[in-house]
Amino acid sequence: MISNVQTRRRGSSVLMMAGLLAIASTLSACGGDKEAGEYPADFNRMSDAAKVAYMMEHASPDSVARFICLASIGDVDGVRIDTLANATLYAYENYKDGELQDFVRAYDECSARLPLSKRMALGKRSVEQDPMGLGYELGLTYVNEIREQHLDAARVEKEIRDLQEACMRNPEDSATFRRFMTGFKVALERDGSSDVPEEIFRKYAQL
């Protein structure tokens, strides 16, 4: 017979796993915040690699990707990834084959769906991103995001306004917005107005 102690331990493990599955499910839509209490008490004292290792044990690769993406820009309440490169490197080194493909796909999708200002914040934390080219890249790729996400004119205007305000708050980002506008204009002129709100094309393609 299983002792009462073993039964309690098994029940505790089931409850912990259920809680971790709930954490993973709330990350399924990029942008969902987490509560610090849903993680182990010492979670923020772990290294970035240890945080990712913990998540890899208890969540699917796509949830881990979204966790890294959002935690690195402060969008997971009470939890922070301090060095994006360390977190992603650990995942790249420890996922294999299909799991690695799922991780990469989910990370790219999550970052692409972030509002412009948050995508800039994520880009600044990536060692692979050229700071001088960040604004241009945001602008060049934004037309495709408008098309794929079916963004309306009001949403586009708000994201551009929020990006401008975010750039104005930090002197180091003062040129990023100008570069974004240049890249956005070039992309609009190159791709045409297909699937882009007409008022957006008229306003920004003719700057």
C-alpha atoms as a PDB file:
ATOM      1  CA  MET A   1       0.000   0.000   0.000  1.00  0.00           C
ATOM      2  CA  ILE A   2       1.086   3.533  -0.638  1.00  0.00           C
ATOM      3  CA  SER A   3       1.764   5.423   2.585  1.00  0.00           C
ATOM      4  CA  ASN A   4      -0.019   8.673   3.441  1.00  0.00           C
ATOM      5  CA  VAL A   5       3.294  10.538   2.983  1.00  0.00           C
ATOM      6  CA  GLN A   6       3.737   9.129  -0.529  1.00  0.00           C
ATOM      7  CA  THR A   7       0.146  10.005  -1.357  1.00  0.00           C
ATOM      8  CA  ARG A   8       0.617  13.594  -0.186  1.00  0.00           C
ATOM      9  CA  ARG A   9       3.860  13.924  -2.158  1.00  0.00           C
ATOM     10  CA  ARG A  10       2.226  12.577  -5.299  1.00  0.00           C
ATOM     11  CA  GLY A  11      -0.701  14.937  -4.850  1.00  0.00           C
ATOM     12  CA  SER A  12       1.663  17.872  -4.350  1.00  0.00           C
ATOM     13  CA  SER A  13       3.556  16.994  -7.536  1.00  0.00           C
ATOM     14  CA  VAL A  14       0.304  16.799  -9.503  1.00  0.00           C
ATOM     15  CA  LEU A  15      -0.772  20.208  -8.212  1.00  0.00           C
ATOM     16  CA  MET A  16       2.623  21.733  -9.081  1.00  0.00           C
ATOM     17  CA  MET A  17       2.469  20.321 -12.602  1.00  0.00           C
ATOM     18  CA  ALA A  18      -1.078  21.615 -13.042  1.00  0.00           C
ATOM     19  CA  GLY A  19       0.073  25.053 -11.975  1.00  0.00           C
ATOM     20  CA  LEU A  20       2.951  25.011 -14.441  1.00  0.00           C
ATOM     21  CA  LEU A  21       0.640  23.934 -17.252  1.00  0.00           C
ATOM     22  CA  ALA A  22      -1.557  26.892 -16.399  1.00  0.00           C
ATOM     23  CA  ILE A  23       1.488  29.175 -16.656  1.00  0.00           C
ATOM     24  CA  ALA A  24       2.305  27.771 -20.071  1.00  0.00           C
ATOM     25  CA  SER A  25      -1.251  28.203 -21.311  1.00  0.00           C
ATOM     26  CA  THR A  26      -1.358  31.862 -20.318  1.00  0.00           C
ATOM     27  CA  LEU A  27       1.748  32.414 -22.432  1.00  0.00           C
ATOM     28  CA  SER A  28       0.062  30.902 -25.471  1.00  0.00           C
ATOM     29  CA  ALA A  29      -1.039  34.332 -26.658  1.00  0.00           C
ATOM     30  CA  CYS A  30       1.961  36.612 -26.978  1.00  0.00           C
ATOM     31  CA  GLY A  31       1.534  39.487 -24.607  1.00  0.00           C
ATOM     32  CA  GLY A  32       0.061  37.709 -21.588  1.00  0.00           C
ATOM     33  CA  ASP A  33       1.593  38.773 -18.286  1.00  0.00           C
ATOM     34  CA  LYS A  34       2.396  36.440 -15.402  1.00  0.00           C
ATOM     35  CA  GLU A  35       2.187  36.811 -11.664  1.00  0.00           C
ATOM     36  CA  ALA A  36       5.447  36.380  -9.714  1.00  0.00           C
ATOM     37  CA  GLY A  37       3.714  34.003  -7.279  1.00  0.00           C
ATOM     38  CA  GLU A  38       3.173  31.459 -10.060  1.00  0.00           C
ATOM     39  CA  TYR A  39       6.914  30.771 -10.202  1.00  0.00           C
ATOM     40  CA  PRO A  40       9.205  29.235  -7.557  1.00  0.00           C
ATOM     41  CA  ALA A  41      10.024  31.619  -4.716  1.00  0.00           C
ATOM     42  CA  ASP A  42      13.703  31.823  -5.712  1.00  0.00           C
ATOM     43  CA  PHE A  43      13.038  32.128  -9.451  1.00  0.00           C
ATOM     44  CA  ASN A  44      14.415  35.654  -9.813  1.00  0.00           C
ATOM     45  CA  ARG A  45      17.612  34.672  -8.028  1.00  0.00           C
ATOM     46  CA  MET A  46      18.355  32.129 -10.731  1.00  0.00           C
ATOM     47  CA  SER A  47      20.585  32.945 -13.681  1.00  0.00           C
ATOM     48  CA  ASP A  48      18.890  33.524 -17.027  1.00  0.00           C
ATOM     49  CA  ALA A  49      20.050  30.105 -18.205  1.00  0.00           C
ATOM     50  CA  ALA A  50      18.638  28.457 -15.069  1.00  0.00           C
ATOM     51  CA  LYS A  51      15.285  30.189 -15.573  1.00  0.00           C
ATOM     52  CA  VAL A  52      15.126  28.888 -19.123  1.00  0.00           C
ATOM     53  CA  ALA A  53      16.191  25.404 -17.994  1.00  0.00           C
ATOM     54  CA  TYR A  54      13.375  25.387 -15.446  1.00  0.00           C
ATOM     55  CA  MET A  55      10.830  26.488 -18.042  1.00  0.00           C
ATOM     56  CA  MET A  56      12.102  23.908 -20.535  1.00  0.00           C
ATOM     57  CA  GLU A  57      11.415  21.166 -17.992  1.00  0.00           C
ATOM     58  CA  HIS A  58       7.832  22.255 -17.416  1.00  0.00           C
ATOM     59  CA  ALA A  59       6.570  23.944 -20.586  1.00  0.00           C
ATOM     60  CA  SER A  60       6.496  23.374 -24.330  1.00  0.00           C
ATOM     61  CA  PRO A  61       9.129  24.959 -26.612  1.00  0.00           C
ATOM     62  CA  ASP A  62       6.668  27.518 -27.972  1.00  0.00           C
ATOM     63  CA  SER A  63       5.722  28.619 -24.444  1.00  0.00           C
ATOM     64  CA  VAL A  64       9.399  28.881 -23.504  1.00  0.00           C
ATOM     65  CA  ALA A  65      10.036  31.050 -26.560  1.00  0.00           C
ATOM     66  CA  ARG A  66       7.224  33.406 -25.631  1.00  0.00           C
ATOM     67  CA  PHE A  67       8.429  33.493 -22.017  1.00  0.00           C
ATOM     68  CA  ILE A  68      11.929  34.568 -23.081  1.00  0.00           C
ATOM     69  CA  CYS A  69      10.601  37.132 -25.528  1.00  0.00           C
ATOM     70  CA  LEU A  70       8.221  38.767 -23.044  1.00  0.00           C
ATOM     71  CA  ALA A  71      10.332  38.464 -19.883  1.00  0.00           C
ATOM     72  CA  SER A  72      13.270  40.164 -21.586  1.00  0.00           C
ATOM     73  CA  ILE A  73      11.212  43.327 -22.152  1.00  0.00           C
ATOM     74  CA  GLY A  74       9.526  43.295 -18.737  1.00  0.00           C
ATOM     75  CA  ASP A  75       6.143  41.980 -19.888  1.00  0.00           C
ATOM     76  CA  VAL A  76       6.074  39.100 -17.398  1.00  0.00           C
ATOM     77  CA  ASP A  77       5.084  40.497 -14.014  1.00  0.00           C
ATOM     78  CA  GLY A  78       7.736  39.968 -11.361  1.00  0.00           C
ATOM     79  CA  VAL A  79      10.103  38.035 -13.628  1.00  0.00           C
ATOM     80  CA  ARG A  80      12.965  39.354 -15.718  1.00  0.00           C
ATOM     81  CA  ILE A  81      15.400  37.961 -18.267  1.00  0.00           C
ATOM     82  CA  ASP A  82      18.466  40.173 -17.867  1.00  0.00           C
ATOM     83  CA  THR A  83      20.538  39.034 -20.837  1.00  0.00           C
ATOM     84  CA  LEU A  84      18.538  37.939 -23.861  1.00  0.00           C
ATOM     85  CA  ALA A  85      21.570  36.371 -25.547  1.00  0.00           C
ATOM     86  CA  ASN A  86      22.213  34.049 -22.591  1.00  0.00           C
ATOM     87  CA  ALA A  87      18.593  32.928 -22.454  1.00  0.00           C
ATOM     88  CA  THR A  88      18.229  32.212 -26.156  1.00  0.00           C
ATOM     89  CA  LEU A  89      21.667  30.560 -26.362  1.00  0.00           C
ATOM     90  CA  TYR A  90      20.698  28.078 -23.642  1.00  0.00           C
ATOM     91  CA  ALA A  91      17.554  27.161 -25.543  1.00  0.00           C
ATOM     92  CA  TYR A  92      19.412  26.834 -28.851  1.00  0.00           C
ATOM     93  CA  GLU A  93      22.018  24.566 -27.272  1.00  0.00           C
ATOM     94  CA  ASN A  94      19.557  22.289 -25.482  1.00  0.00           C
ATOM     95  CA  TYR A  95      16.639  21.932 -27.874  1.00  0.00           C
ATOM     96  CA  LYS A  96      17.036  19.472 -30.726  1.00  0.00           C
ATOM     97  CA  ASP A  97      15.404  18.971 -34.110  1.00  0.00           C
ATOM     98  CA  GLY A  98      11.639  19.541 -34.012  1.00  0.00           C
ATOM     99  CA  GLU A  99      11.650  21.169 -30.592  1.00  0.00           C
ATOM    100  CA  LEU A 100      14.260  23.669 -31.747  1.00  0.00           C
ATOM    101  CA  GLN A 101      12.206  24.441 -34.852  1.00  0.00           C
ATOM    102  CA  ASP A 102       9.102  24.999 -32.701  1.00  0.00           C
ATOM    103  CA  PHE A 103      11.080  27.302 -30.402  1.00  0.00           C
ATOM    104  CA  VAL A 104      12.485  29.408 -33.257  1.00  0.00           C
ATOM    105  CA  ARG A 105       9.114  29.673 -35.001  1.00  0.00           C
ATOM    106  CA  ALA A 106       7.301  30.733 -31.815  1.00  0.00           C
ATOM    107  CA  TYR A 107      10.003  33.255 -30.882  1.00  0.00           C
ATOM    108  CA  ASP A 108       9.860  34.860 -34.334  1.00  0.00           C
ATOM    109  CA  GLU A 109       6.056  34.965 -34.278  1.00  0.00           C
ATOM    110  CA  CYS A 110       5.947  36.472 -30.797  1.00  0.00           C
ATOM    111  CA  SER A 111       8.497  39.185 -31.570  1.00  0.00           C
ATOM    112  CA  ALA A 112       6.744  40.014 -34.857  1.00  0.00           C
ATOM    113  CA  ARG A 113       3.412  40.506 -33.078  1.00  0.00           C
ATOM    114  CA  LEU A 114       4.776  42.916 -30.497  1.00  0.00           C
ATOM    115  CA  PRO A 115       3.788  46.569 -30.895  1.00  0.00           C
ATOM    116  CA  LEU A 116       6.513  48.673 -32.519  1.00  0.00           C
ATOM    117  CA  SER A 117       7.753  50.233 -29.273  1.00  0.00           C
ATOM    118  CA  LYS A 118       8.145  46.825 -27.618  1.00  0.00           C
ATOM    119  CA  ARG A 119       9.731  45.351 -30.735  1.00  0.00           C
ATOM    120  CA  MET A 120      12.299  48.132 -30.537  1.00  0.00           C
ATOM    121  CA  ALA A 121      12.945  47.281 -26.876  1.00  0.00           C
ATOM    122  CA  LEU A 122      13.466  43.622 -27.786  1.00  0.00           C
ATOM    123  CA  GLY A 123      15.749  44.518 -30.679  1.00  0.00           C
ATOM    124  CA  LYS A 124      17.920  46.671 -28.431  1.00  0.00           C
ATOM    125  CA  ARG A 125      18.469  43.690 -26.128  1.00  0.00           C
ATOM    126  CA  SER A 126      19.672  41.433 -28.929  1.00  0.00           C
ATOM    127  CA  VAL A 127      23.426  41.357 -29.436  1.00  0.00           C
ATOM    128  CA  GLU A 128      22.828  40.388 -33.072  1.00  0.00           C
ATOM    129  CA  GLN A 129      20.934  43.597 -33.753  1.00  0.00           C
ATOM    130  CA  ASP A 130      22.930  46.489 -35.185  1.00  0.00           C
ATOM    131  CA  PRO A 131      21.809  49.533 -33.127  1.00  0.00           C
ATOM    132  CA  MET A 132      22.287  51.800 -36.142  1.00  0.00           C
ATOM    133  CA  GLY A 133      20.114  49.555 -38.302  1.00  0.00           C
ATOM    134  CA  LEU A 134      17.350  48.853 -35.794  1.00  0.00           C
ATOM    135  CA  GLY A 135      15.128  51.744 -36.884  1.00  0.00           C
ATOM    136  CA  TYR A 136      15.537  50.924 -40.572  1.00  0.00           C
ATOM    137  CA  GLU A 137      14.721  47.254 -39.983  1.00  0.00           C
ATOM    138  CA  LEU A 138      11.611  48.107 -37.972  1.00  0.00           C
ATOM    139  CA  GLY A 139      10.402  50.334 -40.779  1.00  0.00           C
ATOM    140  CA  LEU A 140      11.188  47.921 -43.586  1.00  0.00           C
ATOM    141  CA  THR A 141       9.427  45.004 -41.899  1.00  0.00           C
ATOM    142  CA  TYR A 142       6.432  46.896 -40.523  1.00  0.00           C
ATOM    143  CA  VAL A 143       4.575  46.934 -43.849  1.00  0.00           C
ATOM    144  CA  ASN A 144       4.567  43.146 -43.871  1.00  0.00           C
ATOM    145  CA  GLU A 145       3.285  43.056 -40.276  1.00  0.00           C
ATOM    146  CA  ILE A 146       0.456  45.423 -41.198  1.00  0.00           C
ATOM    147  CA  ARG A 147      -0.473  43.096 -44.030  1.00  0.00           C
ATOM    148  CA  GLU A 148      -0.185  39.807 -42.123  1.00  0.00           C
ATOM    149  CA  GLN A 149      -1.973  41.039 -38.998  1.00  0.00           C
ATOM    150  CA  HIS A 150      -4.581  43.047 -40.910  1.00  0.00           C
ATOM    151  CA  LEU A 151      -3.848  46.152 -38.840  1.00  0.00           C
ATOM    152  CA  ASP A 152      -6.251  49.009 -39.380  1.00  0.00           C
ATOM    153  CA  ALA A 153      -5.221  52.658 -39.727  1.00  0.00           C
ATOM    154  CA  ALA A 154      -6.022  53.512 -36.109  1.00  0.00           C
ATOM    155  CA  ARG A 155      -3.811  50.701 -34.815  1.00  0.00           C
ATOM    156  CA  VAL A 156      -0.956  51.679 -37.123  1.00  0.00           C
ATOM    157  CA  GLU A 157      -1.168  55.338 -36.110  1.00  0.00           C
ATOM    158  CA  LYS A 158      -1.130  54.398 -32.421  1.00  0.00           C
ATOM    159  CA  GLU A 159       1.874  52.095 -32.780  1.00  0.00           C
ATOM    160  CA  ILE A 160       3.833  54.722 -34.680  1.00  0.00           C
ATOM    161  CA  ARG A 161       2.909  57.382 -32.108  1.00  0.00           C
ATOM    162  CA  ASP A 162       3.910  55.081 -29.214  1.00  0.00           C
ATOM    163  CA  LEU A 163       7.228  54.329 -30.920  1.00  0.00           C
ATOM    164  CA  GLN A 164       7.914  58.035 -31.361  1.00  0.00           C
ATOM    165  CA  GLU A 165       7.148  58.724 -27.694  1.00  0.00           C
ATOM    166  CA  ALA A 166       9.374  55.832 -26.579  1.00  0.00           C
ATOM    167  CA  CYS A 167      12.233  57.158 -28.717  1.00  0.00           C
ATOM    168  CA  MET A 168      11.807  60.678 -27.346  1.00  0.00           C
ATOM    169  CA  ARG A 169      12.159  59.429 -23.765  1.00  0.00           C
ATOM    170  CA  ASN A 170      15.681  58.142 -24.397  1.00  0.00           C
ATOM    171  CA  PRO A 171      18.309  60.408 -26.033  1.00  0.00           C
ATOM    172  CA  GLU A 172      20.097  57.296 -27.334  1.00  0.00           C
ATOM    173  CA  ASP A 173      17.016  56.468 -29.404  1.00  0.00           C
ATOM    174  CA  SER A 174      16.575  59.933 -30.877  1.00  0.00           C
ATOM    175  CA  ALA A 175      17.647  58.816 -34.363  1.00  0.00           C
ATOM    176  CA  THR A 176      15.804  55.489 -34.269  1.00  0.00           C
ATOM    177  CA  PHE A 177      12.422  57.003 -35.057  1.00  0.00           C
ATOM    178  CA  ARG A 178      13.781  58.942 -38.044  1.00  0.00           C
ATOM    179  CA  ARG A 179      15.351  55.761 -39.373  1.00  0.00           C
ATOM    180  CA  PHE A 180      12.075  53.902 -38.831  1.00  0.00           C
ATOM    181  CA  MET A 181      10.173  56.477 -40.854  1.00  0.00           C
ATOM    182  CA  THR A 182      12.726  56.262 -43.657  1.00  0.00           C
ATOM    183  CA  GLY A 183      12.534  52.459 -43.765  1.00  0.00           C
ATOM    184  CA  PHE A 184       8.741  52.523 -43.576  1.00  0.00           C
ATOM    185  CA  LYS A 185       8.503  54.938 -46.497  1.00  0.00           C
ATOM    186  CA  VAL A 186      10.883  52.837 -48.615  1.00  0.00           C
ATOM    187  CA  ALA A 187       8.898  49.659 -47.871  1.00  0.00           C
ATOM    188  CA  LEU A 188       5.597  51.319 -48.745  1.00  0.00           C
ATOM    189  CA  GLU A 189       6.990  52.621 -52.024  1.00  0.00           C
ATOM    190  CA  ARG A 190       8.505  49.243 -52.881  1.00  0.00           C
ATOM    191  CA  ASP A 191       5.545  47.054 -51.908  1.00  0.00           C
ATOM    192  CA  GLY A 192       2.765  49.371 -53.015  1.00  0.00           C
ATOM    193  CA  SER A 193      -0.534  49.858 -51.238  1.00  0.00           C
ATOM    194  CA  SER A 194      -1.770  46.269 -51.458  1.00  0.00           C
ATOM    195  CA  ASP A 195      -3.409  45.215 -48.163  1.00  0.00           C
ATOM    196  CA  VAL A 196      -2.229  48.424 -46.469  1.00  0.00           C
ATOM    197  CA  PRO A 197      -4.921  50.901 -45.324  1.00  0.00           C
ATOM    198  CA  GLU A 198      -5.205  53.555 -47.997  1.00  0.00           C
ATOM    199  CA  GLU A 199      -4.895  56.466 -45.559  1.00  0.00           C
ATOM    200  CA  ILE A 200      -1.672  54.981 -44.179  1.00  0.00           C
ATOM    201  CA  PHE A 201      -0.192  54.602 -47.657  1.00  0.00           C
ATOM    202  CA  ARG A 202      -1.144  58.159 -48.628  1.00  0.00           C
ATOM    203  CA  LYS A 203       0.222  59.650 -45.411  1.00  0.00           C
ATOM    204  CA  TYR A 204       3.546  57.847 -45.099  1.00  0.00           C
ATOM    205  CA  ALA A 205       4.544  56.871 -48.659  1.00  0.00           C
ATOM    206  CA  GLN A 206       4.688  60.518 -49.685  1.00  0.00           C
ATOM    207  CA  LEU A 207       6.669  61.947 -46.776  1.00  0.00           C
END
